[in-house]
Amino acid sequence: MKYLIFLLFPLLLMSCKKDEGPMPSGSLQVLTAQSFQSEVKDGSGISVVFFHAEWCTICHAQRPHIEEAAEDADLSAAFFGEIDHVDYESVFDAEGVSYFPQIWIYEDGEFKKEITSQNQPITTAEIKQAVLDYL
């Protein structure tokens, strides 16, 4: 029995994963509070941020459209990121995001435009046109 514990303990340690910050989800980057600050607020150029909650069904319906826009070659000059309300409520509070899903456009760290829709997803074409207005 004690040998089993000695064998399982190293496996347990190896399975622990260090959080290394934002991880890519296609071209849509997963943001933390820290990377939101560095990539969006302190960043330069156009940033598009998808504010959502993991439990939100409308957010799930919006996801394919924002992911498709993030992978569009015409929008490659823009940074696309997403941030989850469950994990980073403080960012939502600081930015004044009171409901979701919302897609916000920032230019050189400053909020420029909110793209939002009540009860239906914003289409890829609508996202693309809104971003192209700033590129």
N, C-alpha and C. Protein backbone atom coordinates (compact mmCIF):
# COMPACT_ATOMS: atom_id res chain seq x y z
N MET A 1 0.82 -1.19 0.00
CA MET A 1 0.00 0.00 0.00
C MET A 1 0.87 1.26 0.00
N LYS A 2 1.91 1.28 0.87
CA LYS A 2 2.73 2.49 0.92
C LYS A 2 3.51 2.67 -0.38
N TYR A 3 3.83 1.59 -1.08
CA TYR A 3 4.52 1.69 -2.36
C TYR A 3 3.61 2.32 -3.41
N LEU A 4 2.34 2.00 -3.32
CA LEU A 4 1.37 2.58 -4.24
C LEU A 4 1.30 4.10 -4.06
N ILE A 5 1.33 4.55 -2.83
CA ILE A 5 1.33 5.99 -2.56
C ILE A 5 2.57 6.64 -3.15
N PHE A 6 3.72 6.00 -3.00
CA PHE A 6 4.97 6.55 -3.56
C PHE A 6 4.91 6.61 -5.09
N LEU A 7 4.20 5.69 -5.69
CA LEU A 7 4.07 5.69 -7.15
C LEU A 7 3.07 6.72 -7.64
N LEU A 8 1.99 6.91 -6.91
CA LEU A 8 0.94 7.84 -7.32
C LEU A 8 1.29 9.30 -7.05
N PHE A 9 2.07 9.56 -6.02
CA PHE A 9 2.40 10.94 -5.67
C PHE A 9 3.12 11.68 -6.81
N PRO A 10 4.14 11.11 -7.43
CA PRO A 10 4.78 11.82 -8.56
C PRO A 10 3.82 12.06 -9.72
N LEU A 11 2.92 11.12 -9.96
CA LEU A 11 1.93 11.32 -11.03
C LEU A 11 1.02 12.49 -10.71
N LEU A 12 0.65 12.61 -9.47
CA LEU A 12 -0.18 13.72 -9.04
C LEU A 12 0.54 15.05 -9.25
N LEU A 13 1.80 15.12 -8.90
CA LEU A 13 2.57 16.34 -9.09
C LEU A 13 2.74 16.68 -10.56
N MET A 14 2.93 15.69 -11.39
CA MET A 14 3.11 15.94 -12.81
C MET A 14 1.82 16.38 -13.48
N SER A 15 0.69 16.05 -12.91
CA SER A 15 -0.58 16.42 -13.52
C SER A 15 -0.99 17.86 -13.20
N CYS A 16 -0.34 18.48 -12.23
CA CYS A 16 -0.63 19.87 -11.91
C CYS A 16 -0.11 20.74 -13.04
N LYS A 17 -0.94 21.67 -13.49
CA LYS A 17 -0.57 22.52 -14.61
C LYS A 17 -0.47 23.95 -14.14
N LYS A 18 0.61 24.59 -14.46
CA LYS A 18 0.80 25.99 -14.13
C LYS A 18 0.01 26.86 -15.09
N ASP A 19 -0.70 27.87 -14.58
CA ASP A 19 -1.43 28.81 -15.43
C ASP A 19 -0.41 29.74 -16.08
N GLU A 20 -0.33 29.66 -17.39
CA GLU A 20 0.66 30.46 -18.11
C GLU A 20 0.03 31.65 -18.81
N GLY A 21 -1.13 32.10 -18.36
CA GLY A 21 -1.74 33.28 -18.96
C GLY A 21 -2.67 32.90 -20.09
N PRO A 22 -2.87 33.83 -21.03
CA PRO A 22 -3.84 33.59 -22.08
C PRO A 22 -3.43 32.44 -22.98
N MET A 23 -4.39 31.62 -23.30
CA MET A 23 -4.16 30.51 -24.20
C MET A 23 -5.00 30.73 -25.45
N PRO A 24 -4.45 30.44 -26.60
CA PRO A 24 -5.20 30.68 -27.83
C PRO A 24 -6.37 29.72 -27.99
N SER A 25 -7.44 30.21 -28.56
CA SER A 25 -8.59 29.40 -28.93
C SER A 25 -8.83 29.72 -30.40
N GLY A 26 -8.05 29.12 -31.31
CA GLY A 26 -8.03 29.56 -32.70
C GLY A 26 -7.32 30.89 -32.73
N SER A 27 -7.95 31.88 -33.33
CA SER A 27 -7.39 33.22 -33.36
C SER A 27 -7.97 34.09 -32.25
N LEU A 28 -8.89 33.54 -31.49
CA LEU A 28 -9.52 34.25 -30.38
C LEU A 28 -8.72 33.94 -29.12
N GLN A 29 -8.06 34.93 -28.54
CA GLN A 29 -7.18 34.72 -27.39
C GLN A 29 -7.98 34.80 -26.09
N VAL A 30 -7.77 33.84 -25.23
CA VAL A 30 -8.41 33.83 -23.91
C VAL A 30 -7.66 34.84 -23.04
N LEU A 31 -8.39 35.79 -22.49
CA LEU A 31 -7.78 36.85 -21.69
C LEU A 31 -7.98 36.63 -20.20
N THR A 32 -7.00 37.06 -19.43
CA THR A 32 -7.10 37.16 -17.98
C THR A 32 -7.21 38.65 -17.66
N ALA A 33 -7.37 38.99 -16.40
CA ALA A 33 -7.40 40.41 -16.03
C ALA A 33 -6.08 41.08 -16.42
N GLN A 34 -4.98 40.38 -16.19
CA GLN A 34 -3.67 40.94 -16.51
C GLN A 34 -3.46 41.09 -18.02
N SER A 35 -3.80 40.07 -18.79
CA SER A 35 -3.60 40.17 -20.24
C SER A 35 -4.60 41.12 -20.88
N PHE A 36 -5.80 41.27 -20.29
CA PHE A 36 -6.74 42.28 -20.79
C PHE A 36 -6.09 43.66 -20.69
N GLN A 37 -5.45 43.92 -19.56
CA GLN A 37 -4.77 45.21 -19.37
C GLN A 37 -3.63 45.38 -20.38
N SER A 38 -2.78 44.37 -20.52
CA SER A 38 -1.60 44.51 -21.38
C SER A 38 -1.94 44.46 -22.87
N GLU A 39 -2.84 43.57 -23.26
CA GLU A 39 -3.15 43.41 -24.69
C GLU A 39 -4.15 44.43 -25.21
N VAL A 40 -5.12 44.80 -24.38
CA VAL A 40 -6.21 45.66 -24.84
C VAL A 40 -6.02 47.10 -24.35
N LYS A 41 -6.02 47.28 -23.05
CA LYS A 41 -5.98 48.64 -22.49
C LYS A 41 -4.63 49.34 -22.74
N ASP A 42 -3.53 48.60 -22.64
CA ASP A 42 -2.20 49.19 -22.88
C ASP A 42 -1.71 48.91 -24.29
N GLY A 43 -2.49 48.19 -25.08
CA GLY A 43 -2.08 47.80 -26.42
C GLY A 43 -2.29 48.91 -27.43
N SER A 44 -1.77 48.68 -28.62
CA SER A 44 -1.97 49.64 -29.71
C SER A 44 -2.73 48.95 -30.83
N GLY A 45 -3.36 49.74 -31.64
CA GLY A 45 -4.15 49.20 -32.75
C GLY A 45 -5.56 48.87 -32.31
N ILE A 46 -6.21 48.04 -33.12
CA ILE A 46 -7.61 47.67 -32.89
C ILE A 46 -7.68 46.35 -32.13
N SER A 47 -8.47 46.35 -31.06
CA SER A 47 -8.74 45.16 -30.27
C SER A 47 -10.24 44.92 -30.24
N VAL A 48 -10.62 43.67 -30.40
CA VAL A 48 -12.03 43.27 -30.35
C VAL A 48 -12.16 42.29 -29.19
N VAL A 49 -13.02 42.61 -28.23
CA VAL A 49 -13.15 41.78 -27.04
C VAL A 49 -14.57 41.22 -26.94
N PHE A 50 -14.63 39.91 -26.78
CA PHE A 50 -15.89 39.18 -26.59
C PHE A 50 -16.08 38.97 -25.10
N PHE A 51 -17.00 39.73 -24.50
CA PHE A 51 -17.35 39.58 -23.09
C PHE A 51 -18.48 38.56 -23.00
N HIS A 52 -18.28 37.50 -22.21
CA HIS A 52 -19.26 36.43 -22.15
C HIS A 52 -19.22 35.76 -20.78
N ALA A 53 -20.15 34.81 -20.60
CA ALA A 53 -20.14 33.94 -19.42
C ALA A 53 -20.30 32.52 -19.91
N GLU A 54 -19.55 31.62 -19.31
CA GLU A 54 -19.55 30.22 -19.75
C GLU A 54 -20.94 29.60 -19.67
N TRP A 55 -21.75 30.01 -18.72
CA TRP A 55 -23.07 29.41 -18.52
C TRP A 55 -24.15 30.02 -19.41
N CYS A 56 -23.82 31.08 -20.14
CA CYS A 56 -24.78 31.86 -20.93
C CYS A 56 -25.06 31.19 -22.28
N THR A 57 -26.31 30.78 -22.50
CA THR A 57 -26.64 30.08 -23.76
C THR A 57 -26.56 31.01 -24.97
N ILE A 58 -26.91 32.26 -24.81
CA ILE A 58 -26.80 33.21 -25.93
C ILE A 58 -25.32 33.42 -26.28
N CYS A 59 -24.47 33.42 -25.26
CA CYS A 59 -23.03 33.54 -25.50
C CYS A 59 -22.50 32.36 -26.31
N HIS A 60 -23.00 31.16 -26.01
CA HIS A 60 -22.60 29.97 -26.76
C HIS A 60 -23.02 30.09 -28.22
N ALA A 61 -24.20 30.67 -28.45
CA ALA A 61 -24.67 30.87 -29.82
C ALA A 61 -23.84 31.93 -30.54
N GLN A 62 -23.30 32.90 -29.81
CA GLN A 62 -22.48 33.96 -30.39
C GLN A 62 -21.08 33.47 -30.75
N ARG A 63 -20.56 32.52 -30.01
CA ARG A 63 -19.17 32.07 -30.16
C ARG A 63 -18.76 31.75 -31.60
N PRO A 64 -19.51 30.95 -32.36
CA PRO A 64 -19.05 30.64 -33.73
C PRO A 64 -18.85 31.88 -34.60
N HIS A 65 -19.66 32.90 -34.40
CA HIS A 65 -19.57 34.11 -35.21
C HIS A 65 -18.32 34.92 -34.86
N ILE A 66 -18.01 35.06 -33.59
CA ILE A 66 -16.81 35.81 -33.20
C ILE A 66 -15.56 35.03 -33.57
N GLU A 67 -15.61 33.70 -33.44
CA GLU A 67 -14.45 32.89 -33.83
C GLU A 67 -14.20 32.98 -35.34
N GLU A 68 -15.26 32.96 -36.12
CA GLU A 68 -15.12 33.08 -37.58
C GLU A 68 -14.55 34.45 -37.95
N ALA A 69 -15.03 35.49 -37.29
CA ALA A 69 -14.50 36.84 -37.55
C ALA A 69 -13.03 36.92 -37.17
N ALA A 70 -12.66 36.30 -36.06
CA ALA A 70 -11.27 36.34 -35.60
C ALA A 70 -10.33 35.65 -36.58
N GLU A 71 -10.85 34.69 -37.34
CA GLU A 71 -10.03 33.96 -38.30
C GLU A 71 -10.09 34.55 -39.70
N ASP A 72 -10.88 35.60 -39.90
CA ASP A 72 -11.02 36.23 -41.21
C ASP A 72 -9.74 36.97 -41.58
N ALA A 73 -9.19 36.66 -42.73
CA ALA A 73 -7.93 37.28 -43.18
C ALA A 73 -8.04 38.79 -43.32
N ASP A 74 -9.21 39.29 -43.67
CA ASP A 74 -9.40 40.74 -43.81
C ASP A 74 -9.30 41.47 -42.47
N LEU A 75 -9.42 40.74 -41.36
CA LEU A 75 -9.39 41.34 -40.03
C LEU A 75 -8.12 40.98 -39.27
N SER A 76 -7.12 40.47 -39.97
CA SER A 76 -5.92 39.97 -39.31
C SER A 76 -5.12 41.06 -38.59
N ALA A 77 -5.35 42.31 -38.93
CA ALA A 77 -4.64 43.40 -38.25
C ALA A 77 -5.22 43.69 -36.87
N ALA A 78 -6.39 43.15 -36.57
CA ALA A 78 -7.04 43.38 -35.28
C ALA A 78 -6.70 42.24 -34.32
N PHE A 79 -6.61 42.58 -33.04
CA PHE A 79 -6.44 41.59 -31.98
C PHE A 79 -7.83 41.17 -31.52
N PHE A 80 -8.07 39.87 -31.42
CA PHE A 80 -9.35 39.35 -30.94
C PHE A 80 -9.12 38.61 -29.63
N GLY A 81 -9.88 38.98 -28.60
CA GLY A 81 -9.77 38.33 -27.31
C GLY A 81 -11.15 38.06 -26.71
N GLU A 82 -11.17 37.14 -25.76
CA GLU A 82 -12.41 36.83 -25.05
C GLU A 82 -12.12 36.78 -23.56
N ILE A 83 -13.11 37.18 -22.77
CA ILE A 83 -12.95 37.15 -21.32
C ILE A 83 -14.25 36.68 -20.68
N ASP A 84 -14.13 35.79 -19.72
CA ASP A 84 -15.27 35.14 -19.08
C ASP A 84 -15.64 35.86 -17.78
N HIS A 85 -16.91 36.19 -17.65
CA HIS A 85 -17.43 36.87 -16.46
C HIS A 85 -17.20 36.07 -15.19
N VAL A 86 -17.34 34.76 -15.27
CA VAL A 86 -17.20 33.91 -14.09
C VAL A 86 -15.81 34.06 -13.48
N ASP A 87 -14.78 34.11 -14.32
CA ASP A 87 -13.40 34.17 -13.84
C ASP A 87 -12.90 35.59 -13.60
N TYR A 88 -13.44 36.57 -14.32
CA TYR A 88 -12.88 37.93 -14.26
C TYR A 88 -13.98 38.99 -14.16
N GLU A 89 -14.83 38.81 -13.18
CA GLU A 89 -15.93 39.75 -12.95
C GLU A 89 -15.41 41.17 -12.73
N SER A 90 -14.24 41.29 -12.14
CA SER A 90 -13.68 42.62 -11.86
C SER A 90 -13.43 43.41 -13.16
N VAL A 91 -13.06 42.72 -14.23
CA VAL A 91 -12.86 43.39 -15.52
C VAL A 91 -14.19 43.89 -16.06
N PHE A 92 -15.22 43.08 -15.95
CA PHE A 92 -16.56 43.48 -16.40
C PHE A 92 -17.02 44.71 -15.62
N ASP A 93 -16.80 44.70 -14.31
CA ASP A 93 -17.19 45.84 -13.47
C ASP A 93 -16.42 47.10 -13.85
N ALA A 94 -15.12 46.97 -14.02
CA ALA A 94 -14.28 48.13 -14.35
C ALA A 94 -14.64 48.72 -15.72
N GLU A 95 -15.02 47.86 -16.66
CA GLU A 95 -15.36 48.33 -18.00
C GLU A 95 -16.83 48.73 -18.11
N GLY A 96 -17.64 48.39 -17.12
CA GLY A 96 -19.06 48.72 -17.17
C GLY A 96 -19.90 47.77 -18.01
N VAL A 97 -19.44 46.54 -18.15
CA VAL A 97 -20.19 45.53 -18.90
C VAL A 97 -21.23 44.94 -17.95
N SER A 98 -22.49 45.22 -18.22
CA SER A 98 -23.54 44.81 -17.29
C SER A 98 -24.33 43.59 -17.75
N TYR A 99 -24.20 43.21 -19.00
CA TYR A 99 -24.85 42.00 -19.49
C TYR A 99 -24.01 41.44 -20.63
N PHE A 100 -24.33 40.26 -21.05
CA PHE A 100 -23.55 39.62 -22.10
C PHE A 100 -24.46 38.70 -22.91
N PRO A 101 -24.02 38.36 -24.11
CA PRO A 101 -22.72 38.65 -24.70
C PRO A 101 -22.63 40.08 -25.20
N GLN A 102 -21.42 40.59 -25.17
CA GLN A 102 -21.13 41.88 -25.79
C GLN A 102 -19.79 41.78 -26.50
N ILE A 103 -19.69 42.48 -27.59
CA ILE A 103 -18.44 42.56 -28.34
C ILE A 103 -18.08 44.04 -28.40
N TRP A 104 -16.91 44.36 -27.86
CA TRP A 104 -16.46 45.75 -27.82
C TRP A 104 -15.23 45.92 -28.68
N ILE A 105 -15.16 47.08 -29.32
CA ILE A 105 -13.99 47.44 -30.12
C ILE A 105 -13.24 48.53 -29.38
N TYR A 106 -11.93 48.33 -29.27
CA TYR A 106 -11.03 49.31 -28.65
C TYR A 106 -10.02 49.75 -29.72
N GLU A 107 -9.64 51.01 -29.66
CA GLU A 107 -8.58 51.51 -30.52
C GLU A 107 -7.53 52.16 -29.63
N ASP A 108 -6.30 51.66 -29.71
CA ASP A 108 -5.20 52.14 -28.88
C ASP A 108 -5.59 52.19 -27.40
N GLY A 109 -6.31 51.16 -26.95
CA GLY A 109 -6.67 51.04 -25.55
C GLY A 109 -7.93 51.78 -25.13
N GLU A 110 -8.52 52.54 -26.03
CA GLU A 110 -9.73 53.30 -25.70
C GLU A 110 -10.96 52.64 -26.31
N PHE A 111 -12.01 52.53 -25.52
CA PHE A 111 -13.28 51.99 -26.00
C PHE A 111 -13.80 52.87 -27.13
N LYS A 112 -14.21 52.22 -28.22
CA LYS A 112 -14.76 52.95 -29.37
C LYS A 112 -16.19 52.58 -29.69
N LYS A 113 -16.51 51.28 -29.64
CA LYS A 113 -17.84 50.87 -30.08
C LYS A 113 -18.26 49.57 -29.41
N GLU A 114 -19.52 49.48 -29.11
CA GLU A 114 -20.13 48.27 -28.58
C GLU A 114 -20.99 47.64 -29.67
N ILE A 115 -20.75 46.38 -29.93
CA ILE A 115 -21.60 45.63 -30.86
C ILE A 115 -22.38 44.67 -29.98
N THR A 116 -23.68 44.81 -29.93
CA THR A 116 -24.47 43.96 -29.05
C THR A 116 -25.80 43.64 -29.70
N SER A 117 -26.43 42.62 -29.22
CA SER A 117 -27.72 42.20 -29.74
C SER A 117 -28.49 41.56 -28.60
N GLN A 118 -29.74 41.82 -28.56
CA GLN A 118 -30.60 41.21 -27.53
C GLN A 118 -31.20 39.93 -28.08
N ASN A 119 -30.93 38.81 -27.43
CA ASN A 119 -31.57 37.53 -27.69
C ASN A 119 -31.25 36.87 -29.02
N GLN A 120 -30.28 37.39 -29.77
CA GLN A 120 -29.84 36.69 -30.98
C GLN A 120 -28.37 37.05 -31.24
N PRO A 121 -27.65 36.12 -31.83
CA PRO A 121 -26.23 36.38 -32.07
C PRO A 121 -26.01 37.48 -33.11
N ILE A 122 -24.90 38.17 -32.96
CA ILE A 122 -24.45 39.14 -33.95
C ILE A 122 -23.77 38.32 -35.03
N THR A 123 -24.12 38.55 -36.27
CA THR A 123 -23.57 37.74 -37.35
C THR A 123 -22.10 38.06 -37.59
N THR A 124 -21.43 37.13 -38.24
CA THR A 124 -20.03 37.34 -38.61
C THR A 124 -19.90 38.57 -39.50
N ALA A 125 -20.82 38.73 -40.43
CA ALA A 125 -20.78 39.89 -41.34
C ALA A 125 -20.92 41.21 -40.57
N GLU A 126 -21.78 41.25 -39.57
CA GLU A 126 -21.95 42.46 -38.76
C GLU A 126 -20.68 42.77 -37.97
N ILE A 127 -20.06 41.74 -37.41
CA ILE A 127 -18.81 41.93 -36.67
C ILE A 127 -17.74 42.44 -37.62
N LYS A 128 -17.62 41.79 -38.77
CA LYS A 128 -16.60 42.17 -39.75
C LYS A 128 -16.75 43.63 -40.17
N GLN A 129 -17.96 44.04 -40.50
CA GLN A 129 -18.17 45.43 -40.94
C GLN A 129 -17.82 46.42 -39.83
N ALA A 130 -18.20 46.12 -38.62
CA ALA A 130 -17.90 47.02 -37.50
C ALA A 130 -16.39 47.15 -37.29
N VAL A 131 -15.65 46.05 -37.40
CA VAL A 131 -14.20 46.10 -37.22
C VAL A 131 -13.53 46.81 -38.39
N LEU A 132 -14.00 46.53 -39.61
CA LEU A 132 -13.42 47.18 -40.79
C LEU A 132 -13.57 48.70 -40.74
N ASP A 133 -14.60 49.19 -40.07
CA ASP A 133 -14.78 50.63 -39.92
C ASP A 133 -13.61 51.28 -39.18
N TYR A 134 -12.86 50.49 -38.39
CA TYR A 134 -11.74 51.02 -37.61
C TYR A 134 -10.38 50.63 -38.17
N LEU A 135 -10.33 49.71 -39.12
CA LEU A 135 -9.04 49.31 -39.69
C LEU A 135 -8.64 50.20 -40.85
